[in-house]
PDB file of all heavy atoms in Angstrom:
ATOM      1  N   GLY A   1       8.037 -15.428  -9.364  1.00  0.00           N
ATOM      2  CA  GLY A   1       8.650 -16.199  -8.490  1.00  0.00           C
ATOM      3  C   GLY A   1       9.565 -15.453  -7.456  1.00  0.00           C
ATOM      4  O   GLY A   1      10.169 -15.933  -6.579  1.00  0.00           O
ATOM      5  N   VAL A   2       9.590 -14.071  -7.650  1.00  0.00           N
ATOM      6  CA  VAL A   2      10.480 -13.223  -6.717  1.00  0.00           C
ATOM      7  C   VAL A   2       9.648 -12.061  -6.233  1.00  0.00           C
ATOM      8  O   VAL A   2      10.246 -11.212  -5.611  1.00  0.00           O
ATOM      9  CB  VAL A   2      11.647 -12.802  -7.571  1.00  0.00           C
ATOM     10  CG1 VAL A   2      12.579 -13.838  -8.071  1.00  0.00           C
ATOM     11  CG2 VAL A   2      11.270 -11.862  -8.703  1.00  0.00           C
ATOM     12  N   LEU A   3       8.353 -12.035  -6.375  1.00  0.00           N
ATOM     13  CA  LEU A   3       7.584 -10.908  -5.866  1.00  0.00           C
ATOM     14  C   LEU A   3       7.395 -10.947  -4.396  1.00  0.00           C
ATOM     15  O   LEU A   3       7.601 -11.926  -3.786  1.00  0.00           O
ATOM     16  CB  LEU A   3       6.184 -10.863  -6.603  1.00  0.00           C
ATOM     17  CG  LEU A   3       5.235 -11.908  -6.457  1.00  0.00           C
ATOM     18  CD1 LEU A   3       4.472 -11.904  -5.140  1.00  0.00           C
ATOM     19  CD2 LEU A   3       4.254 -11.923  -7.590  1.00  0.00           C
ATOM     20  N   ASP A   4       7.235  -9.766  -3.855  1.00  0.00           N
ATOM     21  CA  ASP A   4       6.867  -9.596  -2.409  1.00  0.00           C
ATOM     22  C   ASP A   4       5.441  -9.213  -2.158  1.00  0.00           C
ATOM     23  O   ASP A   4       5.049  -8.208  -2.670  1.00  0.00           O
ATOM     24  CB  ASP A   4       7.906  -8.536  -1.864  1.00  0.00           C
ATOM     25  CG  ASP A   4       7.681  -8.263  -0.377  1.00  0.00           C
ATOM     26  OD1 ASP A   4       6.752  -8.892   0.247  1.00  0.00           O
ATOM     27  OD2 ASP A   4       8.301  -7.339   0.264  1.00  0.00           O
ATOM     28  N   ASN A   5       4.779 -10.005  -1.480  1.00  0.00           N
ATOM     29  CA  ASN A   5       3.340  -9.718  -1.143  1.00  0.00           C
ATOM     30  C   ASN A   5       3.110  -9.719   0.330  1.00  0.00           C
ATOM     31  O   ASN A   5       1.907  -9.948   0.833  1.00  0.00           O
ATOM     32  CB  ASN A   5       2.369 -10.742  -1.929  1.00  0.00           C
ATOM     33  CG  ASN A   5       2.677 -12.145  -1.435  1.00  0.00           C
ATOM     34  OD1 ASN A   5       3.386 -12.365  -0.484  1.00  0.00           O
ATOM     35  ND2 ASN A   5       2.011 -13.106  -2.157  1.00  0.00           N
ATOM     36  N   GLY A   6       4.148  -9.382   1.048  1.00  0.00           N
ATOM     37  CA  GLY A   6       3.902  -9.419   2.469  1.00  0.00           C
ATOM     38  C   GLY A   6       3.471  -8.125   3.156  1.00  0.00           C
ATOM     39  O   GLY A   6       3.087  -8.106   4.436  1.00  0.00           O
ATOM     40  N   ILE A   7       3.247  -7.066   2.395  1.00  0.00           N
ATOM     41  CA  ILE A   7       2.874  -5.787   2.963  1.00  0.00           C
ATOM     42  C   ILE A   7       1.503  -5.484   2.308  1.00  0.00           C
ATOM     43  O   ILE A   7       1.309  -5.466   1.032  1.00  0.00           O
ATOM     44  CB  ILE A   7       3.725  -4.630   2.698  1.00  0.00           C
ATOM     45  CG1 ILE A   7       5.131  -4.934   3.352  1.00  0.00           C
ATOM     46  CG2 ILE A   7       3.350  -3.310   3.140  1.00  0.00           C
ATOM     47  CD1 ILE A   7       6.213  -3.872   3.188  1.00  0.00           C
ATOM     48  N   ASP A   8       0.354  -5.284   3.209  1.00  0.00           N
ATOM     49  CA  ASP A   8      -0.921  -5.052   2.587  1.00  0.00           C
ATOM     50  C   ASP A   8      -0.873  -3.782   1.821  1.00  0.00           C
ATOM     51  O   ASP A   8      -0.330  -2.722   2.261  1.00  0.00           O
ATOM     52  CB  ASP A   8      -1.997  -4.907   3.672  1.00  0.00           C
ATOM     53  CG  ASP A   8      -2.123  -6.290   4.473  1.00  0.00           C
ATOM     54  OD1 ASP A   8      -1.864  -7.344   3.799  1.00  0.00           O
ATOM     55  OD2 ASP A   8      -2.512  -6.197   5.629  1.00  0.00           O
ATOM     56  N   PRO A   9      -1.499  -3.651   0.606  1.00  0.00           N
ATOM     57  CA  PRO A   9      -1.632  -2.453  -0.116  1.00  0.00           C
ATOM     58  C   PRO A   9      -2.652  -1.614   0.510  1.00  0.00           C
ATOM     59  O   PRO A   9      -3.295  -1.828   1.488  1.00  0.00           O
ATOM     60  CB  PRO A   9      -2.178  -2.977  -1.450  1.00  0.00           C
ATOM     61  CG  PRO A   9      -2.937  -4.260  -1.206  1.00  0.00           C
ATOM     62  CD  PRO A   9      -2.173  -4.933   0.023  1.00  0.00           C
ATOM     63  N   LEU A  10      -2.624  -0.209  -0.001  1.00  0.00           N
ATOM     64  CA  LEU A  10      -3.535   0.774   0.479  1.00  0.00           C
ATOM     65  C   LEU A  10      -4.847   0.722  -0.303  1.00  0.00           C
ATOM     66  O   LEU A  10      -4.941   0.156  -1.287  1.00  0.00           O
ATOM     67  CB  LEU A  10      -2.843   2.049   0.196  1.00  0.00           C
ATOM     68  CG  LEU A  10      -1.505   2.445   0.766  1.00  0.00           C
ATOM     69  CD1 LEU A  10      -0.926   3.770   0.198  1.00  0.00           C
ATOM     70  CD2 LEU A  10      -1.615   2.531   2.283  1.00  0.00           C
ATOM     71  N   ALA A  11      -5.833   1.212   0.438  1.00  0.00           N
ATOM     72  CA  ALA A  11      -7.076   1.371  -0.150  1.00  0.00           C
ATOM     73  C   ALA A  11      -7.180   2.905  -0.630  1.00  0.00           C
ATOM     74  O   ALA A  11      -6.639   3.735  -0.137  1.00  0.00           O
ATOM     75  CB  ALA A  11      -8.276   1.025   0.837  1.00  0.00           C
ATOM     76  N   PRO A  12      -8.070   3.119  -1.741  1.00  0.00           N
ATOM     77  CA  PRO A  12      -8.124   4.468  -2.189  1.00  0.00           C
ATOM     78  C   PRO A  12      -8.550   5.510  -1.244  1.00  0.00           C
ATOM     79  O   PRO A  12      -8.146   6.675  -1.284  1.00  0.00           O
ATOM     80  CB  PRO A  12      -9.212   4.333  -3.313  1.00  0.00           C
ATOM     81  CG  PRO A  12      -9.134   2.956  -3.743  1.00  0.00           C
ATOM     82  CD  PRO A  12      -8.833   2.167  -2.487  1.00  0.00           C
ATOM     83  N   ASP A  13      -9.320   5.081  -0.123  1.00  0.00           N
ATOM     84  CA  ASP A  13      -9.770   6.042   0.840  1.00  0.00           C
ATOM     85  C   ASP A  13      -8.898   6.090   2.093  1.00  0.00           C
ATOM     86  O   ASP A  13      -9.217   6.735   3.084  1.00  0.00           O
ATOM     87  CB  ASP A  13     -11.155   5.724   1.346  1.00  0.00           C
ATOM     88  CG  ASP A  13     -11.346   4.267   1.882  1.00  0.00           C
ATOM     89  OD1 ASP A  13     -10.364   3.587   1.842  1.00  0.00           O
ATOM     90  OD2 ASP A  13     -12.430   3.935   2.284  1.00  0.00           O
ATOM     91  N   THR A  14      -7.637   5.438   2.005  1.00  0.00           N
ATOM     92  CA  THR A  14      -6.739   5.589   3.123  1.00  0.00           C
ATOM     93  C   THR A  14      -6.284   7.058   3.297  1.00  0.00           C
ATOM     94  O   THR A  14      -5.814   7.639   2.371  1.00  0.00           O
ATOM     95  CB  THR A  14      -5.499   4.793   2.942  1.00  0.00           C
ATOM     96  OG1 THR A  14      -5.935   3.291   2.634  1.00  0.00           O
ATOM     97  CG2 THR A  14      -4.622   4.724   4.033  1.00  0.00           C
ATOM     98  N   PRO A  15      -6.516   7.598   4.551  1.00  0.00           N
ATOM     99  CA  PRO A  15      -6.053   9.044   4.594  1.00  0.00           C
ATOM    100  C   PRO A  15      -4.540   9.289   4.598  1.00  0.00           C
ATOM    101  O   PRO A  15      -3.743   8.303   4.813  1.00  0.00           O
ATOM    102  CB  PRO A  15      -6.584   9.351   6.062  1.00  0.00           C
ATOM    103  CG  PRO A  15      -6.645   8.051   6.774  1.00  0.00           C
ATOM    104  CD  PRO A  15      -6.991   6.961   5.762  1.00  0.00           C
ATOM    105  N   LEU A  16      -4.189  10.465   4.316  1.00  0.00           N
ATOM    106  CA  LEU A  16      -2.743  10.858   4.201  1.00  0.00           C
ATOM    107  C   LEU A  16      -1.910  10.389   5.395  1.00  0.00           C
ATOM    108  O   LEU A  16      -0.880   9.840   5.303  1.00  0.00           O
ATOM    109  CB  LEU A  16      -2.631  12.357   3.936  1.00  0.00           C
ATOM    110  CG  LEU A  16      -1.209  12.876   3.895  1.00  0.00           C
ATOM    111  CD1 LEU A  16      -0.254  12.156   2.830  1.00  0.00           C
ATOM    112  CD2 LEU A  16      -1.210  14.391   3.653  1.00  0.00           C
ATOM    113  N   VAL A  17      -2.360  10.648   6.612  1.00  0.00           N
ATOM    114  CA  VAL A  17      -1.608  10.357   7.799  1.00  0.00           C
ATOM    115  C   VAL A  17      -1.310   8.851   7.859  1.00  0.00           C
ATOM    116  O   VAL A  17      -0.190   8.474   8.336  1.00  0.00           O
ATOM    117  CB  VAL A  17      -2.325  10.893   9.043  1.00  0.00           C
ATOM    118  CG1 VAL A  17      -3.721  10.189   9.285  1.00  0.00           C
ATOM    119  CG2 VAL A  17      -1.434  10.727  10.294  1.00  0.00           C
ATOM    120  N   GLU A  18      -2.305   8.057   7.505  1.00  0.00           N
ATOM    121  CA  GLU A  18      -2.041   6.647   7.602  1.00  0.00           C
ATOM    122  C   GLU A  18      -1.070   6.245   6.422  1.00  0.00           C
ATOM    123  O   GLU A  18      -0.199   5.301   6.581  1.00  0.00           O
ATOM    124  CB  GLU A  18      -3.451   5.907   7.436  1.00  0.00           C
ATOM    125  CG  GLU A  18      -3.257   4.217   7.270  1.00  0.00           C
ATOM    126  CD  GLU A  18      -2.638   3.702   8.593  1.00  0.00           C
ATOM    127  OE1 GLU A  18      -2.465   4.406   9.700  1.00  0.00           O
ATOM    128  OE2 GLU A  18      -2.208   2.484   8.551  1.00  0.00           O
ATOM    129  N   VAL A  19      -1.195   6.694   5.172  1.00  0.00           N
ATOM    130  CA  VAL A  19      -0.243   6.464   4.074  1.00  0.00           C
ATOM    131  C   VAL A  19       1.176   6.763   4.582  1.00  0.00           C
ATOM    132  O   VAL A  19       2.106   6.024   4.458  1.00  0.00           O
ATOM    133  CB  VAL A  19      -0.615   7.342   2.933  1.00  0.00           C
ATOM    134  CG1 VAL A  19       0.471   7.070   1.768  1.00  0.00           C
ATOM    135  CG2 VAL A  19      -1.963   6.866   2.367  1.00  0.00           C
ATOM    136  N   THR A  20       1.333   7.977   5.217  1.00  0.00           N
ATOM    137  CA  THR A  20       2.682   8.396   5.607  1.00  0.00           C
ATOM    138  C   THR A  20       3.227   7.536   6.634  1.00  0.00           C
ATOM    139  O   THR A  20       4.420   7.051   6.573  1.00  0.00           O
ATOM    140  CB  THR A  20       2.552   9.795   6.178  1.00  0.00           C
ATOM    141  OG1 THR A  20       1.955  10.669   5.190  1.00  0.00           O
ATOM    142  CG2 THR A  20       3.969  10.357   6.575  1.00  0.00           C
ATOM    143  N   ARG A  21       2.382   7.039   7.620  1.00  0.00           N
ATOM    144  CA  ARG A  21       2.816   6.187   8.686  1.00  0.00           C
ATOM    145  C   ARG A  21       3.327   4.873   8.114  1.00  0.00           C
ATOM    146  O   ARG A  21       4.339   4.296   8.611  1.00  0.00           O
ATOM    147  CB  ARG A  21       1.784   6.011   9.712  1.00  0.00           C
ATOM    148  CG  ARG A  21       2.103   5.155  10.953  1.00  0.00           C
ATOM    149  CD  ARG A  21       0.924   4.826  11.811  1.00  0.00           C
ATOM    150  NE  ARG A  21       0.040   3.910  11.100  1.00  0.00           N
ATOM    151  CZ  ARG A  21       0.204   2.639  11.170  1.00  0.00           C
ATOM    152  NH1 ARG A  21       1.308   2.062  11.718  1.00  0.00           N
ATOM    153  NH2 ARG A  21      -0.634   1.820  10.574  1.00  0.00           N
ATOM    154  N   ARG A  22       2.528   4.360   7.164  1.00  0.00           N
ATOM    155  CA  ARG A  22       2.852   2.956   6.688  1.00  0.00           C
ATOM    156  C   ARG A  22       4.141   3.015   5.813  1.00  0.00           C
ATOM    157  O   ARG A  22       5.028   2.145   5.832  1.00  0.00           O
ATOM    158  CB  ARG A  22       1.703   2.429   5.887  1.00  0.00           C
ATOM    159  CG  ARG A  22       0.536   1.981   6.845  1.00  0.00           C
ATOM    160  CD  ARG A  22      -0.624   1.487   6.216  1.00  0.00           C
ATOM    161  NE  ARG A  22      -0.345   0.180   5.490  1.00  0.00           N
ATOM    162  CZ  ARG A  22      -1.113  -0.460   4.762  1.00  0.00           C
ATOM    163  NH1 ARG A  22      -2.296  -0.022   4.524  1.00  0.00           N
ATOM    164  NH2 ARG A  22      -0.732  -1.551   4.093  1.00  0.00           N
ATOM    165  N   MET A  23       4.314   4.009   5.045  1.00  0.00           N
ATOM    166  CA  MET A  23       5.436   4.094   4.158  1.00  0.00           C
ATOM    167  C   MET A  23       6.703   4.324   5.049  1.00  0.00           C
ATOM    168  O   MET A  23       7.731   3.773   4.630  1.00  0.00           O
ATOM    169  CB  MET A  23       5.385   5.326   3.170  1.00  0.00           C
ATOM    170  CG  MET A  23       4.292   5.006   2.098  1.00  0.00           C
ATOM    171  SD  MET A  23       4.157   6.201   0.838  1.00  0.00           S
ATOM    172  CE  MET A  23       5.728   6.064  -0.090  1.00  0.00           C
ATOM    173  N   ALA A  24       6.610   5.059   6.092  1.00  0.00           N
ATOM    174  CA  ALA A  24       7.684   5.335   6.948  1.00  0.00           C
ATOM    175  C   ALA A  24       8.033   4.025   7.829  1.00  0.00           C
ATOM    176  O   ALA A  24       9.303   3.678   7.976  1.00  0.00           O
ATOM    177  CB  ALA A  24       7.467   6.500   7.966  1.00  0.00           C
ATOM    178  N   THR A  25       7.035   3.351   8.123  1.00  0.00           N
ATOM    179  CA  THR A  25       7.222   2.004   8.889  1.00  0.00           C
ATOM    180  C   THR A  25       8.057   1.022   8.160  1.00  0.00           C
ATOM    181  O   THR A  25       8.923   0.368   8.624  1.00  0.00           O
ATOM    182  CB  THR A  25       5.792   1.323   9.362  1.00  0.00           C
ATOM    183  OG1 THR A  25       5.177   2.361  10.194  1.00  0.00           O
ATOM    184  CG2 THR A  25       6.118   0.038  10.036  1.00  0.00           C
ATOM    185  N   TYR A  26       7.644   0.903   6.853  1.00  0.00           N
ATOM    186  CA  TYR A  26       8.304  -0.133   6.045  1.00  0.00           C
ATOM    187  C   TYR A  26       9.455   0.420   5.108  1.00  0.00           C
ATOM    188  O   TYR A  26       9.959  -0.339   4.329  1.00  0.00           O
ATOM    189  CB  TYR A  26       7.225  -0.853   5.146  1.00  0.00           C
ATOM    190  CG  TYR A  26       6.213  -1.526   6.053  1.00  0.00           C
ATOM    191  CD1 TYR A  26       4.926  -1.077   6.053  1.00  0.00           C
ATOM    192  CD2 TYR A  26       6.560  -2.610   6.755  1.00  0.00           C
ATOM    193  CE1 TYR A  26       3.971  -1.718   6.745  1.00  0.00           C
ATOM    194  CE2 TYR A  26       5.633  -3.283   7.450  1.00  0.00           C
ATOM    195  CZ  TYR A  26       4.207  -2.787   7.449  1.00  0.00           C
ATOM    196  OH  TYR A  26       3.332  -3.467   8.253  1.00  0.00           O
ATOM    197  N   ASP A  27       9.886   1.694   5.304  1.00  0.00           N
ATOM    198  CA  ASP A  27      10.915   2.398   4.615  1.00  0.00           C
ATOM    199  C   ASP A  27      10.688   2.142   2.998  1.00  0.00           C
ATOM    200  O   ASP A  27      11.521   1.770   2.277  1.00  0.00           O
ATOM    201  CB  ASP A  27      12.285   1.755   4.910  1.00  0.00           C
ATOM    202  CG  ASP A  27      12.624   2.119   6.337  1.00  0.00           C
ATOM    203  OD1 ASP A  27      12.376   3.102   6.817  1.00  0.00           O
ATOM    204  OD2 ASP A  27      13.246   1.211   7.036  1.00  0.00           O
ATOM    205  N   LEU A  28       9.415   2.609   2.574  1.00  0.00           N
ATOM    206  CA  LEU A  28       9.184   2.403   1.147  1.00  0.00           C
ATOM    207  C   LEU A  28       9.173   3.699   0.498  1.00  0.00           C
ATOM    208  O   LEU A  28       8.870   4.761   0.989  1.00  0.00           O
ATOM    209  CB  LEU A  28       7.735   1.658   1.005  1.00  0.00           C
ATOM    210  CG  LEU A  28       7.565   0.338   1.635  1.00  0.00           C
ATOM    211  CD1 LEU A  28       6.228  -0.161   1.463  1.00  0.00           C
ATOM    212  CD2 LEU A  28       8.527  -0.643   0.855  1.00  0.00           C
ATOM    213  N   VAL A  29       9.434   3.767  -0.859  1.00  0.00           N
ATOM    214  CA  VAL A  29       9.300   4.934  -1.593  1.00  0.00           C
ATOM    215  C   VAL A  29       7.956   4.930  -2.458  1.00  0.00           C
ATOM    216  O   VAL A  29       7.623   5.914  -3.068  1.00  0.00           O
ATOM    217  CB  VAL A  29      10.453   5.049  -2.609  1.00  0.00           C
ATOM    218  CG1 VAL A  29      11.747   5.293  -1.735  1.00  0.00           C
ATOM    219  CG2 VAL A  29      10.610   3.903  -3.567  1.00  0.00           C
ATOM    220  N   ALA A  30       7.333   3.753  -2.483  1.00  0.00           N
ATOM    221  CA  ALA A  30       6.006   3.753  -3.127  1.00  0.00           C
ATOM    222  C   ALA A  30       5.165   2.625  -2.549  1.00  0.00           C
ATOM    223  O   ALA A  30       5.755   1.578  -2.167  1.00  0.00           O
ATOM    224  CB  ALA A  30       6.075   3.510  -4.648  1.00  0.00           C
ATOM    225  N   MET A  31       3.856   2.773  -2.590  1.00  0.00           N
ATOM    226  CA  MET A  31       2.998   1.650  -2.137  1.00  0.00           C
ATOM    227  C   MET A  31       1.797   1.587  -3.137  1.00  0.00           C
ATOM    228  O   MET A  31       1.330   2.488  -3.676  1.00  0.00           O
ATOM    229  CB  MET A  31       2.383   1.954  -0.714  1.00  0.00           C
ATOM    230  CG  MET A  31       3.338   1.851   0.375  1.00  0.00           C
ATOM    231  SD  MET A  31       2.538   1.662   2.012  1.00  0.00           S
ATOM    232  CE  MET A  31       1.783   0.033   1.948  1.00  0.00           C
ATOM    233  N   PRO A  32       1.365   0.270  -3.382  1.00  0.00           N
ATOM    234  CA  PRO A  32       0.247   0.075  -4.274  1.00  0.00           C
ATOM    235  C   PRO A  32      -1.117   0.477  -3.671  1.00  0.00           C
ATOM    236  O   PRO A  32      -1.321   0.454  -2.406  1.00  0.00           O
ATOM    237  CB  PRO A  32       0.288  -1.420  -4.579  1.00  0.00           C
ATOM    238  CG  PRO A  32       0.916  -1.972  -3.218  1.00  0.00           C
ATOM    239  CD  PRO A  32       1.950  -0.912  -2.799  1.00  0.00           C
ATOM    240  N   VAL A  33      -2.000   0.896  -4.554  1.00  0.00           N
ATOM    241  CA  VAL A  33      -3.371   1.201  -4.116  1.00  0.00           C
ATOM    242  C   VAL A  33      -4.327   0.238  -4.997  1.00  0.00           C
ATOM    243  O   VAL A  33      -4.241   0.251  -6.174  1.00  0.00           O
ATOM    244  CB  VAL A  33      -3.666   2.607  -4.395  1.00  0.00           C
ATOM    245  CG1 VAL A  33      -5.113   2.991  -3.969  1.00  0.00           C
ATOM    246  CG2 VAL A  33      -2.763   3.591  -3.758  1.00  0.00           C
ATOM    247  N   VAL A  34      -5.188  -0.502  -4.122  1.00  0.00           N
ATOM    248  CA  VAL A  34      -6.078  -1.436  -4.781  1.00  0.00           C
ATOM    249  C   VAL A  34      -7.524  -1.109  -4.396  1.00  0.00           C
ATOM    250  O   VAL A  34      -7.755  -0.513  -3.372  1.00  0.00           O
ATOM    251  CB  VAL A  34      -5.678  -2.847  -4.449  1.00  0.00           C
ATOM    252  CG1 VAL A  34      -4.362  -3.281  -4.799  1.00  0.00           C
ATOM    253  CG2 VAL A  34      -5.972  -3.083  -2.963  1.00  0.00           C
ATOM    254  N   ASP A  35      -8.575  -1.597  -5.369  1.00  0.00           N
ATOM    255  CA  ASP A  35      -9.754  -1.246  -4.943  1.00  0.00           C
ATOM    256  C   ASP A  35     -10.420  -2.515  -4.210  1.00  0.00           C
ATOM    257  O   ASP A  35      -9.677  -3.433  -3.799  1.00  0.00           O
ATOM    258  CB  ASP A  35     -10.635  -1.075  -6.205  1.00  0.00           C
ATOM    259  CG  ASP A  35     -10.624  -2.133  -7.256  1.00  0.00           C
ATOM    260  OD1 ASP A  35     -10.210  -3.341  -6.901  1.00  0.00           O
ATOM    261  OD2 ASP A  35     -11.052  -2.011  -8.469  1.00  0.00           O
ATOM    262  N   ARG A  36     -11.727  -2.523  -4.017  1.00  0.00           N
ATOM    263  CA  ARG A  36     -12.328  -3.666  -3.228  1.00  0.00           C
ATOM    264  C   ARG A  36     -12.238  -4.958  -3.879  1.00  0.00           C
ATOM    265  O   ARG A  36     -12.323  -5.970  -3.059  1.00  0.00           O
ATOM    266  CB  ARG A  36     -13.817  -3.218  -2.975  1.00  0.00           C
ATOM    267  CG  ARG A  36     -14.063  -2.055  -2.114  1.00  0.00           C
ATOM    268  CD  ARG A  36     -15.498  -1.672  -1.950  1.00  0.00           C
ATOM    269  NE  ARG A  36     -15.628  -0.597  -1.110  1.00  0.00           N
ATOM    270  CZ  ARG A  36     -16.834  -0.051  -0.746  1.00  0.00           C
ATOM    271  NH1 ARG A  36     -17.936  -0.602  -1.239  1.00  0.00           N
ATOM    272  NH2 ARG A  36     -16.943   1.049  -0.118  1.00  0.00           N
ATOM    273  N   THR A  37     -12.034  -5.065  -5.141  1.00  0.00           N
ATOM    274  CA  THR A  37     -11.866  -6.415  -5.872  1.00  0.00           C
ATOM    275  C   THR A  37     -10.421  -6.723  -5.998  1.00  0.00           C
ATOM    276  O   THR A  37     -10.086  -7.592  -6.745  1.00  0.00           O
ATOM    277  CB  THR A  37     -12.639  -6.430  -7.204  1.00  0.00           C
ATOM    278  OG1 THR A  37     -12.115  -5.315  -8.006  1.00  0.00           O
ATOM    279  CG2 THR A  37     -14.041  -6.064  -6.938  1.00  0.00           C
ATOM    280  N   ASN A  38      -9.486  -5.988  -5.299  1.00  0.00           N
ATOM    281  CA  ASN A  38      -8.067  -6.223  -5.384  1.00  0.00           C
ATOM    282  C   ASN A  38      -7.493  -6.026  -6.742  1.00  0.00           C
ATOM    283  O   ASN A  38      -6.540  -6.674  -7.116  1.00  0.00           O
ATOM    284  CB  ASN A  38      -7.739  -7.685  -4.966  1.00  0.00           C
ATOM    285  CG  ASN A  38      -6.416  -7.843  -4.318  1.00  0.00           C
ATOM    286  OD1 ASN A  38      -5.861  -6.951  -3.649  1.00  0.00           O
ATOM    287  ND2 ASN A  38      -5.671  -8.884  -4.663  1.00  0.00           N
ATOM    288  N   ARG A  39      -7.991  -5.054  -7.467  1.00  0.00           N
ATOM    289  CA  ARG A  39      -7.405  -4.526  -8.671  1.00  0.00           C
ATOM    290  C   ARG A  39      -6.538  -3.391  -8.269  1.00  0.00           C
ATOM    291  O   ARG A  39      -6.936  -2.493  -7.698  1.00  0.00           O
ATOM    292  CB  ARG A  39      -8.448  -4.243  -9.714  1.00  0.00           C
ATOM    293  CG  ARG A  39      -9.378  -5.380 -10.120  1.00  0.00           C
ATOM    294  CD  ARG A  39     -10.359  -4.874 -11.112  1.00  0.00           C
ATOM    295  NE  ARG A  39     -11.204  -3.711 -10.700  1.00  0.00           N
ATOM    296  CZ  ARG A  39     -11.941  -2.922 -11.398  1.00  0.00           C
ATOM    297  NH1 ARG A  39     -12.088  -3.272 -12.728  1.00  0.00           N
ATOM    298  NH2 ARG A  39     -12.722  -2.047 -10.943  1.00  0.00           N
ATOM    299  N   LEU A  40      -5.289  -3.371  -8.920  1.00  0.00           N
ATOM    300  CA  LEU A  40      -4.373  -2.248  -8.830  1.00  0.00           C
ATOM    301  C   LEU A  40      -4.946  -1.044  -9.573  1.00  0.00           C
ATOM    302  O   LEU A  40      -5.139  -1.141 -10.849  1.00  0.00           O
ATOM    303  CB  LEU A  40      -2.953  -2.570  -9.417  1.00  0.00           C
ATOM    304  CG  LEU A  40      -1.930  -1.633  -9.118  1.00  0.00           C
ATOM    305  CD1 LEU A  40      -1.557  -1.518  -7.584  1.00  0.00           C
ATOM    306  CD2 LEU A  40      -0.647  -1.943  -9.900  1.00  0.00           C
ATOM    307  N   VAL A  41      -5.162  -0.015  -8.873  1.00  0.00           N
ATOM    308  CA  VAL A  41      -5.618   1.247  -9.474  1.00  0.00           C
ATOM    309  C   VAL A  41      -4.621   2.364  -9.495  1.00  0.00           C
ATOM    310  O   VAL A  41      -4.770   3.440 -10.057  1.00  0.00           O
ATOM    311  CB  VAL A  41      -6.887   1.801  -8.690  1.00  0.00           C
ATOM    312  CG1 VAL A  41      -8.069   0.805  -8.945  1.00  0.00           C
ATOM    313  CG2 VAL A  41      -6.589   2.099  -7.224  1.00  0.00           C
TER     314      VAL A  41
END
């Protein structure tokens, strides 16, 4: 009832520069990585 799902997770093949940009954009200290079937890896 209190989770946040408003930010799209990363894909395993997301390059470092894009990971850095998205974490900086949303001021996050961690981001989830999910596979093609939306499982957290």
